Structure formats: structure tokens, C-alpha cells
Amino acid sequence: MFYVMAKVHWDYKSLQRVVWNYSEKGHGKGAPDSMGGVLKIAADRIVAEGNDFPNIDLLISHLQIQISGGMIMEVHESGILRRNY
């Protein structure tokens, strides 16, 4: 797949970005792990564009712009400990 992605720009000259979401079955990858991967890739892309995150608020702000259709928010430990399951 990497080879195909590396060569696809020859056929599609106007292509600006290629994204490959890989999630092999059977390795314990659930929805939280997948979302973590999406956030990491988005953060890596934002940094590659020359941005920096001196604090969590700025990171969340950038991620909210990059990722549509989801809610990104900071969760404090106290909020997790109060949760009743």
C-alpha cells in the first residue's frame, strides 16, 4: 500500500494530500485506540505545517479545526474519578 501511495501522484497531478488509515483486525484496537491514532496523525500534520503547542488548550483548538464530526475536549483526572460505572 505504501508503494501505491508513493506513486499515485503521477496519475493525479492535483492531489495535495494522501491519508492512509490502517487498522488491522485482531490486535485489540478498539474505538479509543483508533481515535488516539487519528489525533496523533492530525497533531503530527499540524506540527509539520510549522505550528507548536505550548499548552493543551492550543493543541485542542488546532485539533478541533482539523477534525470535523467529533468532540475534542480536555478531561481532567478528577472528572474520571467521579464517574460511576
PDB file of N, CA and C in Angstrom:
ATOM      1  N   MET A   1       0.816  -1.192   0.000  1.00  0.00           N
ATOM      2  CA  MET A   1       0.000   0.000   0.000  1.00  0.00           C
ATOM      3  C   MET A   1       0.863   1.260   0.000  1.00  0.00           C
ATOM      4  N   PHE A   2       1.982   1.235   0.736  1.00  0.00           N
ATOM      5  CA  PHE A   2       2.849   2.406   0.766  1.00  0.00           C
ATOM      6  C   PHE A   2       3.368   2.727  -0.640  1.00  0.00           C
ATOM      7  N   TYR A   3       3.729   1.711  -1.403  1.00  0.00           N
ATOM      8  CA  TYR A   3       4.220   1.927  -2.767  1.00  0.00           C
ATOM      9  C   TYR A   3       3.162   2.618  -3.622  1.00  0.00           C
ATOM     10  N   VAL A   4       1.919   2.150  -3.524  1.00  0.00           N
ATOM     11  CA  VAL A   4       0.818   2.748  -4.289  1.00  0.00           C
ATOM     12  C   VAL A   4       0.653   4.211  -3.903  1.00  0.00           C
ATOM     13  N   MET A   5       0.678   4.484  -2.608  1.00  0.00           N
ATOM     14  CA  MET A   5       0.516   5.867  -2.151  1.00  0.00           C
ATOM     15  C   MET A   5       1.661   6.758  -2.630  1.00  0.00           C
ATOM     16  N   ALA A   6       2.857   6.199  -2.680  1.00  0.00           N
ATOM     17  CA  ALA A   6       4.016   6.980  -3.112  1.00  0.00           C
ATOM     18  C   ALA A   6       3.961   7.301  -4.603  1.00  0.00           C
ATOM     19  N   LYS A   7       3.289   6.474  -5.382  1.00  0.00           N
ATOM     20  CA  LYS A   7       3.250   6.660  -6.838  1.00  0.00           C
ATOM     21  C   LYS A   7       1.957   7.279  -7.369  1.00  0.00           C
ATOM     22  N   VAL A   8       0.920   7.372  -6.541  1.00  0.00           N
ATOM     23  CA  VAL A   8      -0.386   7.832  -7.008  1.00  0.00           C
ATOM     24  C   VAL A   8      -0.351   9.267  -7.535  1.00  0.00           C
ATOM     25  N   HIS A   9       0.567  10.079  -7.059  1.00  0.00           N
ATOM     26  CA  HIS A   9       0.619  11.477  -7.512  1.00  0.00           C
ATOM     27  C   HIS A   9       0.951  11.598  -9.001  1.00  0.00           C
ATOM     28  N   TRP A  10       1.535  10.563  -9.597  1.00  0.00           N
ATOM     29  CA  TRP A  10       1.853  10.602 -11.027  1.00  0.00           C
ATOM     30  C   TRP A  10       0.568  10.596 -11.864  1.00  0.00           C
ATOM     31  N   ASP A  11      -0.457   9.917 -11.384  1.00  0.00           N
ATOM     32  CA  ASP A  11      -1.722   9.845 -12.112  1.00  0.00           C
ATOM     33  C   ASP A  11      -2.693  10.959 -11.737  1.00  0.00           C
ATOM     34  N   TYR A  12      -2.519  11.527 -10.559  1.00  0.00           N
ATOM     35  CA  TYR A  12      -3.419  12.568 -10.075  1.00  0.00           C
ATOM     36  C   TYR A  12      -2.592  13.801  -9.708  1.00  0.00           C
ATOM     37  N   LYS A  13      -2.283  14.603 -10.696  1.00  0.00           N
ATOM     38  CA  LYS A  13      -1.373  15.744 -10.522  1.00  0.00           C
ATOM     39  C   LYS A  13      -1.876  16.778  -9.518  1.00  0.00           C
ATOM     40  N   SER A  14      -3.195  16.914  -9.372  1.00  0.00           N
ATOM     41  CA  SER A  14      -3.730  17.934  -8.461  1.00  0.00           C
ATOM     42  C   SER A  14      -3.830  17.430  -7.019  1.00  0.00           C
ATOM     43  N   LEU A  15      -3.455  16.211  -6.774  1.00  0.00           N
ATOM     44  CA  LEU A  15      -3.529  15.633  -5.428  1.00  0.00           C
ATOM     45  C   LEU A  15      -2.608  16.384  -4.479  1.00  0.00           C
ATOM     46  N   GLN A  16      -3.160  16.824  -3.340  1.00  0.00           N
ATOM     47  CA  GLN A  16      -2.380  17.587  -2.374  1.00  0.00           C
ATOM     48  C   GLN A  16      -2.043  16.796  -1.126  1.00  0.00           C
ATOM     49  N   ARG A  17      -2.886  15.824  -0.768  1.00  0.00           N
ATOM     50  CA  ARG A  17      -2.652  15.056   0.455  1.00  0.00           C
ATOM     51  C   ARG A  17      -3.222  13.651   0.299  1.00  0.00           C
ATOM     52  N   VAL A  18      -2.486  12.668   0.795  1.00  0.00           N
ATOM     53  CA  VAL A  18      -2.954  11.286   0.819  1.00  0.00           C
ATOM     54  C   VAL A  18      -2.944  10.835   2.268  1.00  0.00           C
ATOM     55  N   VAL A  19      -4.047  10.252   2.712  1.00  0.00           N
ATOM     56  CA  VAL A  19      -4.160   9.768   4.085  1.00  0.00           C
ATOM     57  C   VAL A  19      -4.463   8.280   4.042  1.00  0.00           C
ATOM     58  N   TRP A  20      -3.727   7.521   4.831  1.00  0.00           N
ATOM     59  CA  TRP A  20      -3.929   6.081   4.902  1.00  0.00           C
ATOM     60  C   TRP A  20      -4.289   5.730   6.341  1.00  0.00           C
ATOM     61  N   ASN A  21      -5.510   5.287   6.564  1.00  0.00           N
ATOM     62  CA  ASN A  21      -5.954   4.858   7.886  1.00  0.00           C
ATOM     63  C   ASN A  21      -5.894   3.337   7.927  1.00  0.00           C
ATOM     64  N   TYR A  22      -4.970   2.810   8.692  1.00  0.00           N
ATOM     65  CA  TYR A  22      -4.740   1.378   8.764  1.00  0.00           C
ATOM     66  C   TYR A  22      -5.133   0.862  10.140  1.00  0.00           C
ATOM     67  N   SER A  23      -6.007  -0.115  10.178  1.00  0.00           N
ATOM     68  CA  SER A  23      -6.422  -0.699  11.444  1.00  0.00           C
ATOM     69  C   SER A  23      -6.638  -2.191  11.232  1.00  0.00           C
ATOM     70  N   GLU A  24      -5.599  -2.960  11.468  1.00  0.00           N
ATOM     71  CA  GLU A  24      -5.674  -4.402  11.279  1.00  0.00           C
ATOM     72  C   GLU A  24      -6.513  -5.035  12.381  1.00  0.00           C
ATOM     73  N   LYS A  25      -7.353  -5.983  12.019  1.00  0.00           N
ATOM     74  CA  LYS A  25      -8.210  -6.660  12.989  1.00  0.00           C
ATOM     75  C   LYS A  25      -7.398  -7.610  13.852  1.00  0.00           C
ATOM     76  N   GLY A  26      -7.914  -7.825  15.051  1.00  0.00           N
ATOM     77  CA  GLY A  26      -7.350  -8.858  15.903  1.00  0.00           C
ATOM     78  C   GLY A  26      -6.195  -8.436  16.785  1.00  0.00           C
ATOM     79  N   HIS A  27      -5.903  -7.165  16.880  1.00  0.00           N
ATOM     80  CA  HIS A  27      -4.788  -6.714  17.707  1.00  0.00           C
ATOM     81  C   HIS A  27      -5.250  -5.821  18.851  1.00  0.00           C
ATOM     82  N   GLY A  28      -6.511  -5.944  19.245  1.00  0.00           N
ATOM     83  CA  GLY A  28      -7.010  -5.181  20.384  1.00  0.00           C
ATOM     84  C   GLY A  28      -7.274  -3.729  20.099  1.00  0.00           C
ATOM     85  N   LYS A  29      -7.323  -3.367  18.843  1.00  0.00           N
ATOM     86  CA  LYS A  29      -7.579  -1.964  18.508  1.00  0.00           C
ATOM     87  C   LYS A  29      -9.079  -1.701  18.586  1.00  0.00           C
ATOM     88  N   GLY A  30      -9.467  -0.889  19.501  1.00  0.00           N
ATOM     89  CA  GLY A  30     -10.862  -0.514  19.627  1.00  0.00           C
ATOM     90  C   GLY A  30     -11.050   0.925  19.222  1.00  0.00           C
ATOM     91  N   ALA A  31     -12.245   1.421  19.422  1.00  0.00           N
ATOM     92  CA  ALA A  31     -12.552   2.810  19.054  1.00  0.00           C
ATOM     93  C   ALA A  31     -11.640   3.821  19.749  1.00  0.00           C
ATOM     94  N   PRO A  32     -11.347   3.662  21.062  1.00  0.00           N
ATOM     95  CA  PRO A  32     -10.456   4.645  21.700  1.00  0.00           C
ATOM     96  C   PRO A  32      -9.053   4.651  21.090  1.00  0.00           C
ATOM     97  N   ASP A  33      -8.544   3.465  20.755  1.00  0.00           N
ATOM     98  CA  ASP A  33      -7.212   3.383  20.156  1.00  0.00           C
ATOM     99  C   ASP A  33      -7.206   4.023  18.773  1.00  0.00           C
ATOM    100  N   SER A  34      -8.254   3.793  18.012  1.00  0.00           N
ATOM    101  CA  SER A  34      -8.356   4.387  16.680  1.00  0.00           C
ATOM    102  C   SER A  34      -8.427   5.906  16.763  1.00  0.00           C
ATOM    103  N   MET A  35      -9.199   6.407  17.708  1.00  0.00           N
ATOM    104  CA  MET A  35      -9.311   7.858  17.868  1.00  0.00           C
ATOM    105  C   MET A  35      -7.982   8.461  18.293  1.00  0.00           C
ATOM    106  N   GLY A  36      -7.263   7.763  19.160  1.00  0.00           N
ATOM    107  CA  GLY A  36      -5.938   8.232  19.556  1.00  0.00           C
ATOM    108  C   GLY A  36      -4.999   8.338  18.363  1.00  0.00           C
ATOM    109  N   GLY A  37      -5.081   7.368  17.468  1.00  0.00           N
ATOM    110  CA  GLY A  37      -4.264   7.403  16.254  1.00  0.00           C
ATOM    111  C   GLY A  37      -4.633   8.560  15.353  1.00  0.00           C
ATOM    112  N   VAL A  38      -5.915   8.820  15.211  1.00  0.00           N
ATOM    113  CA  VAL A  38      -6.385   9.942  14.391  1.00  0.00           C
ATOM    114  C   VAL A  38      -5.875  11.262  14.961  1.00  0.00           C
ATOM    115  N   LEU A  39      -5.968  11.407  16.290  1.00  0.00           N
ATOM    116  CA  LEU A  39      -5.500  12.637  16.930  1.00  0.00           C
ATOM    117  C   LEU A  39      -3.999  12.812  16.780  1.00  0.00           C
ATOM    118  N   LYS A  40      -3.245  11.714  16.924  1.00  0.00           N
ATOM    119  CA  LYS A  40      -1.783  11.787  16.793  1.00  0.00           C
ATOM    120  C   LYS A  40      -1.390  12.183  15.379  1.00  0.00           C
ATOM    121  N   ILE A  41      -2.003  11.578  14.385  1.00  0.00           N
ATOM    122  CA  ILE A  41      -1.686  11.909  12.997  1.00  0.00           C
ATOM    123  C   ILE A  41      -2.034  13.367  12.702  1.00  0.00           C
ATOM    124  N   ALA A  42      -3.187  13.819  13.204  1.00  0.00           N
ATOM    125  CA  ALA A  42      -3.578  15.217  12.988  1.00  0.00           C
ATOM    126  C   ALA A  42      -2.586  16.162  13.663  1.00  0.00           C
ATOM    127  N   ALA A  43      -2.179  15.833  14.891  1.00  0.00           N
ATOM    128  CA  ALA A  43      -1.203  16.679  15.599  1.00  0.00           C
ATOM    129  C   ALA A  43       0.138  16.689  14.865  1.00  0.00           C
ATOM    130  N   ASP A  44       0.566  15.540  14.363  1.00  0.00           N
ATOM    131  CA  ASP A  44       1.816  15.473  13.596  1.00  0.00           C
ATOM    132  C   ASP A  44       1.731  16.354  12.353  1.00  0.00           C
ATOM    133  N   ARG A  45       0.578  16.331  11.685  1.00  0.00           N
ATOM    134  CA  ARG A  45       0.392  17.144  10.481  1.00  0.00           C
ATOM    135  C   ARG A  45       0.442  18.633  10.833  1.00  0.00           C
ATOM    136  N   ILE A  46      -0.187  19.012  11.930  1.00  0.00           N
ATOM    137  CA  ILE A  46      -0.214  20.416  12.354  1.00  0.00           C
ATOM    138  C   ILE A  46       1.198  20.897  12.682  1.00  0.00           C
ATOM    139  N   VAL A  47       1.983  20.070  13.353  1.00  0.00           N
ATOM    140  CA  VAL A  47       3.371  20.415  13.676  1.00  0.00           C
ATOM    141  C   VAL A  47       4.204  20.510  12.400  1.00  0.00           C
ATOM    142  N   ALA A  48       3.972  19.600  11.457  1.00  0.00           N
ATOM    143  CA  ALA A  48       4.709  19.630  10.186  1.00  0.00           C
ATOM    144  C   ALA A  48       4.426  20.908   9.400  1.00  0.00           C
ATOM    145  N   GLU A  49       3.276  21.511   9.643  1.00  0.00           N
ATOM    146  CA  GLU A  49       2.922  22.774   8.984  1.00  0.00           C
ATOM    147  C   GLU A  49       3.532  23.985   9.688  1.00  0.00           C
ATOM    148  N   GLY A  50       4.347  23.741  10.743  1.00  0.00           N
ATOM    149  CA  GLY A  50       5.070  24.827  11.397  1.00  0.00           C
ATOM    150  C   GLY A  50       4.451  25.338  12.685  1.00  0.00           C
ATOM    151  N   ASN A  51       3.438  24.666  13.180  1.00  0.00           N
ATOM    152  CA  ASN A  51       2.790  25.090  14.421  1.00  0.00           C
ATOM    153  C   ASN A  51       3.438  24.426  15.627  1.00  0.00           C
ATOM    154  N   ASP A  52       3.221  25.016  16.800  1.00  0.00           N
ATOM    155  CA  ASP A  52       3.748  24.481  18.051  1.00  0.00           C
ATOM    156  C   ASP A  52       2.639  24.541  19.095  1.00  0.00           C
ATOM    157  N   PHE A  53       2.713  23.672  20.096  1.00  0.00           N
ATOM    158  CA  PHE A  53       1.688  23.607  21.137  1.00  0.00           C
ATOM    159  C   PHE A  53       2.323  23.821  22.506  1.00  0.00           C
ATOM    160  N   PRO A  54       2.404  25.047  22.975  1.00  0.00           N
ATOM    161  CA  PRO A  54       2.975  25.279  24.303  1.00  0.00           C
ATOM    162  C   PRO A  54       2.034  24.877  25.440  1.00  0.00           C
ATOM    163  N   ASN A  55       0.760  24.627  25.101  1.00  0.00           N
ATOM    164  CA  ASN A  55      -0.196  24.208  26.139  1.00  0.00           C
ATOM    165  C   ASN A  55      -1.302  23.359  25.511  1.00  0.00           C
ATOM    166  N   ILE A  56      -2.044  22.668  26.359  1.00  0.00           N
ATOM    167  CA  ILE A  56      -3.090  21.755  25.892  1.00  0.00           C
ATOM    168  C   ILE A  56      -4.236  22.501  25.216  1.00  0.00           C
ATOM    169  N   ASP A  57      -4.535  23.705  25.677  1.00  0.00           N
ATOM    170  CA  ASP A  57      -5.631  24.473  25.085  1.00  0.00           C
ATOM    171  C   ASP A  57      -5.381  24.776  23.617  1.00  0.00           C
ATOM    172  N   LEU A  58      -4.152  25.130  23.277  1.00  0.00           N
ATOM    173  CA  LEU A  58      -3.816  25.418  21.887  1.00  0.00           C
ATOM    174  C   LEU A  58      -3.865  24.149  21.033  1.00  0.00           C
ATOM    175  N   LEU A  59      -3.397  23.038  21.580  1.00  0.00           N
ATOM    176  CA  LEU A  59      -3.474  21.761  20.859  1.00  0.00           C
ATOM    177  C   LEU A  59      -4.929  21.408  20.560  1.00  0.00           C
ATOM    178  N   ILE A  60      -5.792  21.498  21.551  1.00  0.00           N
ATOM    179  CA  ILE A  60      -7.206  21.173  21.364  1.00  0.00           C
ATOM    180  C   ILE A  60      -7.827  22.099  20.323  1.00  0.00           C
ATOM    181  N   SER A  61      -7.490  23.374  20.375  1.00  0.00           N
ATOM    182  CA  SER A  61      -8.019  24.340  19.409  1.00  0.00           C
ATOM    183  C   SER A  61      -7.646  23.953  17.981  1.00  0.00           C
ATOM    184  N   HIS A  62      -6.386  23.606  17.760  1.00  0.00           N
ATOM    185  CA  HIS A  62      -5.927  23.188  16.427  1.00  0.00           C
ATOM    186  C   HIS A  62      -6.603  21.893  15.990  1.00  0.00           C
ATOM    187  N   LEU A  63      -6.730  20.932  16.899  1.00  0.00           N
ATOM    188  CA  LEU A  63      -7.352  19.653  16.557  1.00  0.00           C
ATOM    189  C   LEU A  63      -8.828  19.824  16.206  1.00  0.00           C
ATOM    190  N   GLN A  64      -9.521  20.710  16.900  1.00  0.00           N
ATOM    191  CA  GLN A  64     -10.931  20.947  16.601  1.00  0.00           C
ATOM    192  C   GLN A  64     -11.114  21.500  15.191  1.00  0.00           C
ATOM    193  N   ILE A  65     -10.153  22.265  14.722  1.00  0.00           N
ATOM    194  CA  ILE A  65     -10.207  22.791  13.354  1.00  0.00           C
ATOM    195  C   ILE A  65      -9.935  21.680  12.346  1.00  0.00           C
ATOM    196  N   GLN A  66      -8.956  20.821  12.633  1.00  0.00           N
ATOM    197  CA  GLN A  66      -8.546  19.760  11.714  1.00  0.00           C
ATOM    198  C   GLN A  66      -9.542  18.612  11.613  1.00  0.00           C
ATOM    199  N   ILE A  67     -10.199  18.287  12.717  1.00  0.00           N
ATOM    200  CA  ILE A  67     -11.042  17.094  12.765  1.00  0.00           C
ATOM    201  C   ILE A  67     -12.496  17.521  12.924  1.00  0.00           C
ATOM    202  N   SER A  68     -13.285  17.252  11.897  1.00  0.00           N
ATOM    203  CA  SER A  68     -14.700  17.601  11.974  1.00  0.00           C
ATOM    204  C   SER A  68     -15.511  16.360  12.330  1.00  0.00           C
ATOM    205  N   GLY A  69     -16.682  16.580  12.867  1.00  0.00           N
ATOM    206  CA  GLY A  69     -17.566  15.469  13.173  1.00  0.00           C
ATOM    207  C   GLY A  69     -17.305  14.800  14.504  1.00  0.00           C
ATOM    208  N   GLY A  70     -16.494  15.391  15.332  1.00  0.00           N
ATOM    209  CA  GLY A  70     -16.209  14.814  16.640  1.00  0.00           C
ATOM    210  C   GLY A  70     -16.061  15.905  17.678  1.00  0.00           C
ATOM    211  N   MET A  71     -16.081  15.510  18.929  1.00  0.00           N
ATOM    212  CA  MET A  71     -15.917  16.461  20.016  1.00  0.00           C
ATOM    213  C   MET A  71     -14.564  16.193  20.676  1.00  0.00           C
ATOM    214  N   ILE A  72     -13.727  17.193  20.728  1.00  0.00           N
ATOM    215  CA  ILE A  72     -12.412  17.073  21.342  1.00  0.00           C
ATOM    216  C   ILE A  72     -12.392  17.998  22.546  1.00  0.00           C
ATOM    217  N   MET A  73     -12.116  17.418  23.705  1.00  0.00           N
ATOM    218  CA  MET A  73     -12.095  18.230  24.925  1.00  0.00           C
ATOM    219  C   MET A  73     -11.081  17.643  25.892  1.00  0.00           C
ATOM    220  N   GLU A  74     -10.631  18.481  26.795  1.00  0.00           N
ATOM    221  CA  GLU A  74      -9.701  18.054  27.835  1.00  0.00           C
ATOM    222  C   GLU A  74     -10.485  17.377  28.953  1.00  0.00           C
ATOM    223  N   VAL A  75      -9.992  16.239  29.413  1.00  0.00           N
ATOM    224  CA  VAL A  75     -10.620  15.528  30.526  1.00  0.00           C
ATOM    225  C   VAL A  75      -9.617  15.502  31.665  1.00  0.00           C
ATOM    226  N   HIS A  76     -10.017  16.057  32.792  1.00  0.00           N
ATOM    227  CA  HIS A  76      -9.157  16.085  33.972  1.00  0.00           C
ATOM    228  C   HIS A  76      -9.329  14.800  34.775  1.00  0.00           C
ATOM    229  N   GLU A  77      -8.312  14.438  35.503  1.00  0.00           N
ATOM    230  CA  GLU A  77      -8.357  13.216  36.304  1.00  0.00           C
ATOM    231  C   GLU A  77      -9.528  13.225  37.284  1.00  0.00           C
ATOM    232  N   SER A  78      -9.823  14.380  37.849  1.00  0.00           N
ATOM    233  CA  SER A  78     -10.925  14.460  38.814  1.00  0.00           C
ATOM    234  C   SER A  78     -12.257  14.087  38.166  1.00  0.00           C
ATOM    235  N   GLY A  79     -12.426  14.423  36.900  1.00  0.00           N
ATOM    236  CA  GLY A  79     -13.645  14.063  36.186  1.00  0.00           C
ATOM    237  C   GLY A  79     -13.750  12.576  35.938  1.00  0.00           C
ATOM    238  N   ILE A  80     -12.630  11.916  35.779  1.00  0.00           N
ATOM    239  CA  ILE A  80     -12.624  10.467  35.583  1.00  0.00           C
ATOM    240  C   ILE A  80     -12.924   9.756  36.902  1.00  0.00           C
ATOM    241  N   LEU A  81     -12.335  10.247  37.979  1.00  0.00           N
ATOM    242  CA  LEU A  81     -12.516   9.608  39.283  1.00  0.00           C
ATOM    243  C   LEU A  81     -13.944   9.735  39.798  1.00  0.00           C
ATOM    244  N   ARG A  82     -14.662  10.792  39.407  1.00  0.00           N
ATOM    245  CA  ARG A  82     -16.046  10.986  39.853  1.00  0.00           C
ATOM    246  C   ARG A  82     -17.022  10.091  39.108  1.00  0.00           C
ATOM    247  N   ARG A  83     -16.622   9.555  37.992  1.00  0.00           N
ATOM    248  CA  ARG A  83     -17.524   8.771  37.131  1.00  0.00           C
ATOM    249  C   ARG A  83     -17.968   7.493  37.828  1.00  0.00           C
ATOM    250  N   ASN A  84     -19.268   7.224  37.839  1.00  0.00           N
ATOM    251  CA  ASN A  84     -19.818   5.988  38.402  1.00  0.00           C
ATOM    252  C   ASN A  84     -20.125   5.024  37.263  1.00  0.00           C
ATOM    253  N   TYR A  85     -19.570   3.828  37.347  1.00  0.00           N
ATOM    254  CA  TYR A  85     -19.802   2.848  36.279  1.00  0.00           C
ATOM    255  C   TYR A  85     -20.743   1.808  36.743  1.00  0.00           C
TER     256      TYR A  85
END
